[in-house]
Amino acid sequence: MSKLVVDISMSLDGFIAGPNAAPENPLGDGGLRLHDWYFKNPDDNHEFARALKSNTGAIIMGRRMYDESLPWWHGSGPLGDIPCFVLTKKGSEPQEAAEMFTFVTEGIEKALELGKAAAGAKEVLINGGANTTQRYLKAGLVDVINIHLVPMLLGSGTSLFGELRKSIELEKVSVKDEPDATHFTYRVKK
């Protein structure tokens, strides 16, 4: 059975995007720096990049993530042609979208159901943003959290965890330290 995985880069002060995020300013002021560790190796030669691509069978994202990132994906999804399920409000679905995108208006559980069906035995990845991650965490649906902690302070922007308003127990699975990021994997205790 596929797992629901959050995999995201974050600054030491807890932000996944800087201030002023917009389609023409992806990840906000200073936010692109959060992903330098990922793109530093040519041809996605980083072990986490390879694992992400080989283990992911479907992606869930929020509409804002879709709108802000689409120009940078060059006509595909964040991981190429992997099916993406975009949470959106009824009536706001785009008239035209690449075939890997399905717009889900029936809520997070429906997006997860569709994602798991598409993923088969592979993982379903929450690819952002913070609001989508928080909704799945609050609902108790996340299985694994991978945080790529980047040694920088953004100072402000989009907080990954915001105010969850509940305690969530995690079990540390692994930690790998590199010069450009420290990679943490946590299992969510159910």
Foldseek 3Di string as FASTA:
>chain_A
DAAEEEAAEAEPVFAQAFPPQALVAHSYDPNVLSCCVQVVDPPSPDPVSVCCLVQAQEEEEEPRCCRNCVVVVPQADPNGLRAYEYEDAPPPDDPDHRPSYDYDHPDDVVRVVVRCVRRPHGYYYYPDDLVSQLVCVLVVRHFKYKYWYFHDDSPDDHGNNPCSVDDWDWDWDDWDDDPGTIITMIGTDD
